[in-house]
N, C-alpha and C. Protein backbone atom coordinates (compact mmCIF):
# COMPACT_ATOMS: atom_id res chain seq x y z
N MET A 1 41.90 2.85 -17.41
CA MET A 1 40.62 2.15 -16.84
C MET A 1 40.12 1.39 -18.01
N GLU A 2 39.78 0.24 -18.12
CA GLU A 2 39.19 -0.50 -19.20
C GLU A 2 38.08 -1.24 -19.08
N LYS A 3 37.64 -1.32 -17.80
CA LYS A 3 36.50 -1.83 -17.32
C LYS A 3 35.29 -0.82 -17.24
N THR A 4 34.06 -1.32 -17.25
CA THR A 4 32.97 -0.32 -16.88
C THR A 4 32.56 -0.63 -15.45
N VAL A 5 32.38 0.66 -14.88
CA VAL A 5 31.89 0.73 -13.49
C VAL A 5 30.36 1.15 -13.62
N ASN A 6 29.62 0.43 -12.58
CA ASN A 6 28.23 0.83 -12.56
C ASN A 6 28.03 1.23 -11.09
N ALA A 7 26.78 2.12 -11.00
CA ALA A 7 26.62 2.78 -9.67
C ALA A 7 24.95 3.09 -9.77
N LEU A 8 24.50 3.36 -8.67
CA LEU A 8 22.98 3.58 -8.79
C LEU A 8 22.79 4.90 -8.09
N GLY A 9 21.81 5.67 -8.67
CA GLY A 9 21.47 7.20 -8.13
C GLY A 9 20.03 7.20 -8.11
N ARG A 10 19.69 7.63 -6.98
CA ARG A 10 18.16 7.92 -6.70
C ARG A 10 17.66 9.42 -6.43
N ARG A 11 16.55 9.85 -6.70
CA ARG A 11 16.24 11.15 -6.41
C ARG A 11 14.63 11.12 -6.34
N LYS A 12 13.81 11.60 -5.29
CA LYS A 12 12.31 11.38 -5.38
C LYS A 12 11.99 9.77 -5.81
N SER A 13 11.13 9.49 -6.75
CA SER A 13 11.01 8.34 -7.00
C SER A 13 11.65 7.91 -8.39
N ALA A 14 12.85 8.64 -8.65
CA ALA A 14 13.43 8.19 -9.93
C ALA A 14 14.72 7.25 -9.56
N VAL A 15 15.10 6.28 -10.41
CA VAL A 15 16.02 5.54 -10.20
C VAL A 15 17.08 5.62 -11.40
N ALA A 16 18.37 5.81 -11.40
CA ALA A 16 19.35 5.66 -12.57
C ALA A 16 20.05 4.66 -12.17
N ARG A 17 20.37 3.68 -13.12
CA ARG A 17 21.41 2.78 -13.10
C ARG A 17 22.31 3.03 -14.09
N VAL A 18 23.65 3.46 -13.68
CA VAL A 18 24.58 4.32 -14.52
C VAL A 18 25.61 3.22 -14.82
N TYR A 19 26.26 3.27 -15.99
CA TYR A 19 27.37 2.59 -16.31
C TYR A 19 28.51 3.52 -16.98
N VAL A 20 29.64 3.70 -16.27
CA VAL A 20 30.63 4.51 -16.65
C VAL A 20 31.60 3.81 -17.40
N ALA A 21 32.30 4.02 -18.62
CA ALA A 21 33.40 3.52 -19.28
C ALA A 21 34.52 4.50 -19.76
N ALA A 22 35.52 4.35 -19.90
CA ALA A 22 36.46 5.26 -20.47
C ALA A 22 35.99 5.49 -21.92
N GLY A 23 36.00 6.84 -22.45
CA GLY A 23 35.41 6.88 -23.96
C GLY A 23 35.51 8.32 -24.34
N THR A 24 34.71 8.71 -24.98
CA THR A 24 34.66 10.24 -25.72
C THR A 24 33.64 11.20 -25.14
N GLY A 25 33.09 10.83 -24.09
CA GLY A 25 32.14 11.62 -23.36
C GLY A 25 30.52 11.54 -23.98
N LYS A 26 30.21 10.43 -24.52
CA LYS A 26 28.85 10.09 -24.94
C LYS A 26 28.12 9.72 -23.99
N VAL A 27 26.95 10.37 -23.75
CA VAL A 27 26.09 10.02 -22.82
C VAL A 27 24.60 9.29 -23.18
N THR A 28 24.36 8.19 -23.09
CA THR A 28 23.21 7.49 -23.58
C THR A 28 22.28 7.14 -22.52
N ILE A 29 20.81 7.78 -22.65
CA ILE A 29 20.12 7.34 -21.60
C ILE A 29 18.74 6.58 -22.18
N ASN A 30 18.50 5.40 -21.66
CA ASN A 30 17.42 4.56 -22.34
C ASN A 30 17.57 4.59 -23.97
N GLY A 31 18.73 4.37 -24.27
CA GLY A 31 19.13 4.13 -25.70
C GLY A 31 18.79 5.36 -26.51
N ARG A 32 18.82 6.65 -25.92
CA ARG A 32 18.58 7.84 -26.55
C ARG A 32 19.87 8.77 -26.20
N GLU A 33 20.22 9.65 -27.01
CA GLU A 33 21.17 10.79 -26.85
C GLU A 33 20.75 11.95 -25.54
N LEU A 34 21.86 12.18 -24.74
CA LEU A 34 21.59 13.27 -23.76
C LEU A 34 20.63 14.35 -24.24
N ASN A 35 21.00 14.99 -25.28
CA ASN A 35 20.22 16.22 -25.67
C ASN A 35 18.80 15.81 -26.33
N ASP A 36 18.79 14.56 -26.54
CA ASP A 36 17.43 14.17 -27.12
C ASP A 36 16.38 13.73 -25.89
N TYR A 37 17.10 13.17 -24.80
CA TYR A 37 16.14 12.61 -23.69
C TYR A 37 16.04 13.81 -22.73
N PHE A 38 16.97 14.64 -22.33
CA PHE A 38 16.68 16.04 -21.71
C PHE A 38 16.94 17.22 -22.82
N ALA A 39 15.80 17.63 -23.09
CA ALA A 39 15.68 18.69 -24.13
C ALA A 39 16.23 20.09 -23.42
N ASP A 40 15.74 20.37 -22.33
CA ASP A 40 16.15 21.53 -21.65
C ASP A 40 17.68 21.40 -21.07
N GLU A 41 18.02 22.64 -21.42
CA GLU A 41 19.72 22.95 -21.44
C GLU A 41 19.96 22.89 -19.69
N SER A 42 19.03 23.25 -18.80
CA SER A 42 19.48 23.13 -17.47
C SER A 42 19.78 21.92 -16.91
N LEU A 43 18.86 20.95 -17.42
CA LEU A 43 19.02 19.41 -17.19
C LEU A 43 20.08 18.75 -17.64
N GLN A 44 20.46 19.24 -19.02
CA GLN A 44 21.85 18.66 -19.41
C GLN A 44 22.89 19.11 -18.64
N TYR A 45 22.84 20.39 -18.21
CA TYR A 45 24.02 20.84 -17.43
C TYR A 45 24.03 20.16 -15.94
N ILE A 46 22.86 19.76 -15.38
CA ILE A 46 22.80 18.91 -14.19
C ILE A 46 23.47 17.67 -14.29
N VAL A 47 23.39 17.07 -15.36
CA VAL A 47 23.97 15.68 -15.79
C VAL A 47 25.38 15.82 -15.81
N GLY A 48 25.89 17.03 -16.61
CA GLY A 48 27.30 17.28 -16.85
C GLY A 48 27.93 17.69 -15.62
N GLN A 49 27.51 18.03 -14.71
CA GLN A 49 28.09 18.79 -13.48
C GLN A 49 29.31 17.84 -12.96
N PRO A 50 29.04 16.53 -12.57
CA PRO A 50 30.15 15.78 -11.98
C PRO A 50 31.59 15.74 -12.79
N PHE A 51 31.25 15.93 -14.16
CA PHE A 51 32.45 15.91 -14.95
C PHE A 51 33.05 17.16 -15.04
N GLU A 52 32.32 18.41 -14.85
CA GLU A 52 32.94 19.57 -14.82
C GLU A 52 33.83 19.93 -13.56
N VAL A 53 33.17 19.37 -12.46
CA VAL A 53 33.84 19.39 -11.02
C VAL A 53 35.16 18.59 -10.97
N THR A 54 35.18 17.51 -11.67
CA THR A 54 36.27 16.60 -11.70
C THR A 54 37.29 16.91 -12.77
N GLY A 55 36.95 17.72 -13.77
CA GLY A 55 37.75 18.13 -14.88
C GLY A 55 37.87 16.95 -15.92
N THR A 56 36.94 16.24 -16.02
CA THR A 56 36.95 14.84 -16.90
C THR A 56 35.91 15.02 -18.07
N THR A 57 35.52 16.03 -18.40
CA THR A 57 34.54 16.15 -19.48
C THR A 57 34.98 15.80 -20.76
N GLY A 58 34.24 14.77 -21.45
CA GLY A 58 34.86 14.17 -22.52
C GLY A 58 35.80 12.90 -22.53
N GLN A 59 35.94 12.50 -21.20
CA GLN A 59 36.81 11.24 -21.01
C GLN A 59 36.13 10.06 -20.81
N PHE A 60 34.81 9.97 -20.47
CA PHE A 60 34.12 8.91 -20.09
C PHE A 60 32.69 8.91 -20.85
N ASP A 61 32.32 7.61 -21.26
CA ASP A 61 30.96 7.39 -21.89
C ASP A 61 30.16 6.89 -20.69
N VAL A 62 28.95 7.38 -20.89
CA VAL A 62 27.91 7.08 -19.78
C VAL A 62 26.70 6.36 -20.49
N LYS A 63 26.29 5.16 -19.92
CA LYS A 63 25.07 4.50 -20.37
C LYS A 63 24.31 4.47 -19.15
N ALA A 64 22.98 4.74 -19.31
CA ALA A 64 22.15 5.14 -18.08
C ALA A 64 20.67 4.54 -18.32
N ASN A 65 20.04 3.71 -17.47
CA ASN A 65 18.51 3.11 -17.40
C ASN A 65 18.04 4.07 -16.50
N LEU A 66 16.95 4.88 -16.68
CA LEU A 66 16.22 5.88 -16.00
C LEU A 66 14.86 5.35 -15.86
N VAL A 67 14.25 5.22 -14.69
CA VAL A 67 12.89 4.68 -14.47
C VAL A 67 12.41 5.67 -13.37
N GLY A 68 11.10 5.74 -13.49
CA GLY A 68 10.40 6.52 -12.42
C GLY A 68 10.40 8.01 -12.42
N GLY A 69 9.76 8.91 -11.62
CA GLY A 69 9.86 10.19 -11.39
C GLY A 69 9.66 11.13 -12.45
N GLY A 70 9.83 12.02 -12.45
CA GLY A 70 9.71 13.35 -13.55
C GLY A 70 11.07 13.54 -14.14
N ILE A 71 11.33 14.47 -15.08
CA ILE A 71 12.48 14.76 -15.72
C ILE A 71 13.64 15.45 -14.69
N LYS A 72 13.18 16.23 -13.69
CA LYS A 72 14.11 16.98 -12.92
C LYS A 72 14.70 15.95 -11.97
N GLY A 73 13.73 15.07 -11.48
CA GLY A 73 14.17 13.96 -10.37
C GLY A 73 15.15 13.01 -11.06
N GLN A 74 14.76 12.64 -12.37
CA GLN A 74 15.68 11.83 -13.36
C GLN A 74 17.09 12.27 -13.45
N ALA A 75 17.00 13.72 -13.78
CA ALA A 75 18.48 14.36 -13.97
C ALA A 75 19.34 14.12 -12.84
N GLU A 76 18.65 14.56 -11.52
CA GLU A 76 19.29 14.66 -10.14
C GLU A 76 19.89 13.19 -10.04
N ALA A 77 19.08 12.19 -10.10
CA ALA A 77 19.36 11.02 -9.88
C ALA A 77 20.60 10.44 -10.71
N LEU A 78 20.51 10.82 -12.12
CA LEU A 78 21.62 10.52 -13.10
C LEU A 78 22.85 11.19 -12.62
N ARG A 79 22.62 12.27 -12.04
CA ARG A 79 24.01 13.27 -11.47
C ARG A 79 24.46 12.41 -10.25
N LEU A 80 23.64 12.07 -9.39
CA LEU A 80 24.36 11.16 -8.18
C LEU A 80 24.89 9.84 -8.73
N GLY A 81 24.33 9.08 -9.68
CA GLY A 81 24.75 7.84 -10.25
C GLY A 81 26.27 8.09 -10.97
N ILE A 82 26.31 9.15 -11.75
CA ILE A 82 27.51 9.44 -12.28
C ILE A 82 28.58 9.76 -11.32
N ALA A 83 28.13 10.58 -10.18
CA ALA A 83 29.23 11.04 -9.14
C ALA A 83 29.81 9.68 -8.43
N ARG A 84 28.78 8.88 -8.16
CA ARG A 84 29.20 7.62 -7.54
C ARG A 84 30.18 6.80 -8.25
N ALA A 85 29.94 6.69 -9.70
CA ALA A 85 30.69 5.91 -10.44
C ALA A 85 32.08 6.56 -10.69
N LEU A 86 32.01 7.79 -10.72
CA LEU A 86 33.57 8.27 -10.91
C LEU A 86 34.11 8.17 -9.54
N CYS A 87 33.48 8.16 -8.54
CA CYS A 87 34.20 7.73 -7.15
C CYS A 87 35.02 6.33 -7.10
N GLU A 88 34.18 5.50 -7.81
CA GLU A 88 34.81 3.98 -7.96
C GLU A 88 35.93 3.98 -8.83
N VAL A 89 35.85 4.69 -9.91
CA VAL A 89 36.90 4.86 -11.01
C VAL A 89 38.31 5.27 -10.37
N ASP A 90 38.23 6.55 -9.57
CA ASP A 90 39.48 7.00 -8.95
C ASP A 90 39.12 7.62 -7.70
N LYS A 91 38.99 7.09 -6.46
CA LYS A 91 38.47 7.59 -5.23
C LYS A 91 39.46 8.78 -4.84
N GLU A 92 40.96 8.70 -4.98
CA GLU A 92 41.68 9.66 -4.48
C GLU A 92 41.46 11.06 -5.33
N ALA A 93 41.50 10.95 -6.76
CA ALA A 93 41.38 12.00 -7.44
C ALA A 93 40.04 12.84 -7.40
N TYR A 94 38.92 11.94 -7.39
CA TYR A 94 37.62 12.64 -7.70
C TYR A 94 36.85 12.89 -6.43
N ARG A 95 37.18 12.12 -5.31
CA ARG A 95 36.01 12.00 -4.32
C ARG A 95 35.96 13.26 -3.54
N SER A 96 37.01 14.06 -3.35
CA SER A 96 37.16 15.39 -2.41
C SER A 96 36.30 16.35 -3.16
N ALA A 97 36.70 16.56 -4.59
CA ALA A 97 35.90 17.58 -5.19
C ALA A 97 34.44 17.17 -5.47
N LEU A 98 34.07 15.93 -5.62
CA LEU A 98 32.75 15.69 -5.66
C LEU A 98 31.88 15.75 -4.47
N LYS A 99 32.55 15.37 -3.32
CA LYS A 99 32.01 15.67 -1.98
C LYS A 99 31.81 17.12 -1.66
N ALA A 100 32.77 18.07 -1.94
CA ALA A 100 32.71 19.44 -1.73
C ALA A 100 31.72 20.04 -2.53
N ALA A 101 31.40 19.50 -3.84
CA ALA A 101 30.16 20.02 -4.39
C ALA A 101 28.90 19.40 -4.08
N GLY A 102 28.78 18.65 -3.34
CA GLY A 102 27.63 17.99 -2.72
C GLY A 102 27.01 17.01 -3.74
N PHE A 103 27.62 16.37 -4.55
CA PHE A 103 27.32 15.46 -5.47
C PHE A 103 27.05 14.02 -5.04
N LEU A 104 27.77 13.78 -3.87
CA LEU A 104 27.50 12.34 -3.32
C LEU A 104 26.68 12.11 -2.31
N THR A 105 25.79 13.07 -2.04
CA THR A 105 24.66 13.30 -0.97
C THR A 105 23.41 12.85 -1.45
N ARG A 106 22.87 11.81 -1.07
CA ARG A 106 21.58 11.29 -1.76
C ARG A 106 20.52 12.14 -0.96
N ASP A 107 19.76 13.08 -1.89
CA ASP A 107 18.68 13.93 -1.44
C ASP A 107 17.35 13.09 -1.08
N ALA A 108 17.25 12.95 0.18
CA ALA A 108 16.28 12.03 0.95
C ALA A 108 14.88 12.54 0.82
N ARG A 109 14.66 13.83 0.30
CA ARG A 109 13.20 14.42 0.48
C ARG A 109 12.23 13.59 -0.42
N GLU A 110 11.28 12.92 -0.08
CA GLU A 110 10.12 12.31 -0.76
C GLU A 110 8.93 13.00 -0.44
N VAL A 111 7.96 12.88 -1.34
CA VAL A 111 6.57 13.36 -1.32
C VAL A 111 5.84 12.84 -0.12
N GLU A 112 5.30 13.63 0.80
CA GLU A 112 4.59 13.14 2.02
C GLU A 112 3.07 12.38 1.37
N ARG A 113 3.00 11.24 2.01
CA ARG A 113 1.80 10.67 1.64
C ARG A 113 0.26 11.46 1.92
N LYS A 114 -0.88 11.46 1.04
CA LYS A 114 -1.81 12.12 1.39
C LYS A 114 -2.68 11.28 2.51
N LYS A 115 -3.27 12.05 3.57
CA LYS A 115 -4.01 11.15 4.50
C LYS A 115 -5.35 11.18 4.49
N PRO A 116 -6.27 10.23 5.06
CA PRO A 116 -7.68 10.09 4.73
C PRO A 116 -8.46 11.31 5.43
N GLY A 117 -9.30 11.60 5.12
CA GLY A 117 -10.09 12.67 5.49
C GLY A 117 -9.71 13.97 5.27
N GLN A 118 -8.58 14.19 4.50
CA GLN A 118 -8.00 15.55 4.21
C GLN A 118 -7.82 15.56 2.70
N PRO A 119 -7.72 16.76 2.04
CA PRO A 119 -7.54 16.67 0.64
C PRO A 119 -6.18 16.68 0.22
N GLY A 120 -5.28 16.77 1.23
CA GLY A 120 -3.65 16.64 0.82
C GLY A 120 -2.93 16.05 1.90
N ALA A 121 -1.77 16.02 1.97
CA ALA A 121 -0.85 15.51 2.98
C ALA A 121 -1.00 16.20 4.41
N ARG A 122 -1.03 17.64 4.14
CA ARG A 122 -1.05 18.63 5.42
C ARG A 122 -2.42 19.48 5.38
N ARG A 123 -2.86 19.56 4.07
CA ARG A 123 -4.03 20.63 3.97
C ARG A 123 -5.28 19.82 4.63
N ARG A 124 -6.11 20.77 5.25
CA ARG A 124 -7.46 20.30 5.87
C ARG A 124 -8.40 20.70 4.92
N PHE A 125 -9.62 20.23 5.10
CA PHE A 125 -10.92 20.68 4.51
C PHE A 125 -11.41 21.89 5.27
N GLN A 126 -11.91 23.02 4.70
CA GLN A 126 -12.26 24.31 5.37
C GLN A 126 -13.05 23.80 6.52
N PHE A 127 -12.66 24.41 7.65
CA PHE A 127 -13.76 24.46 8.83
C PHE A 127 -14.98 24.99 8.73
N SER A 128 -15.82 24.58 9.28
CA SER A 128 -17.37 25.30 9.30
C SER A 128 -17.86 25.30 10.76
N LYS A 129 -18.09 26.31 11.47
CA LYS A 129 -18.46 26.14 12.89
C LYS A 129 -19.89 25.85 12.79
N ARG A 130 -20.69 26.32 11.88
CA ARG A 130 -22.07 26.10 11.81
C ARG A 130 -22.57 25.53 10.35
């Protein structure tokens, strides 16, 4: 594979535009290194999961643009984007492993909006009989 494959990953309000090309395993997010952008080890692990499952660690370079959301949502959006891009690279080889691990499923859970006359989405103000 000599061309770049791009994919989109979303989670909560985070959006990751991912560009995967053959390389040495370098991950660049918004112009920064992976361990610079995600200081937490667990988030770095989440981002690397699709490569571990498919056994392609160190074979692809990833460039990603991340916008919106928090760091956890961004990491999971990036994971989905990488998984989708790997699927486009070689469907037969990687799709079954990624699907079994659940990395191709978009987590659709979003924050419920706050309603008027209430302090939160479901929470009510304290009821007073008198």
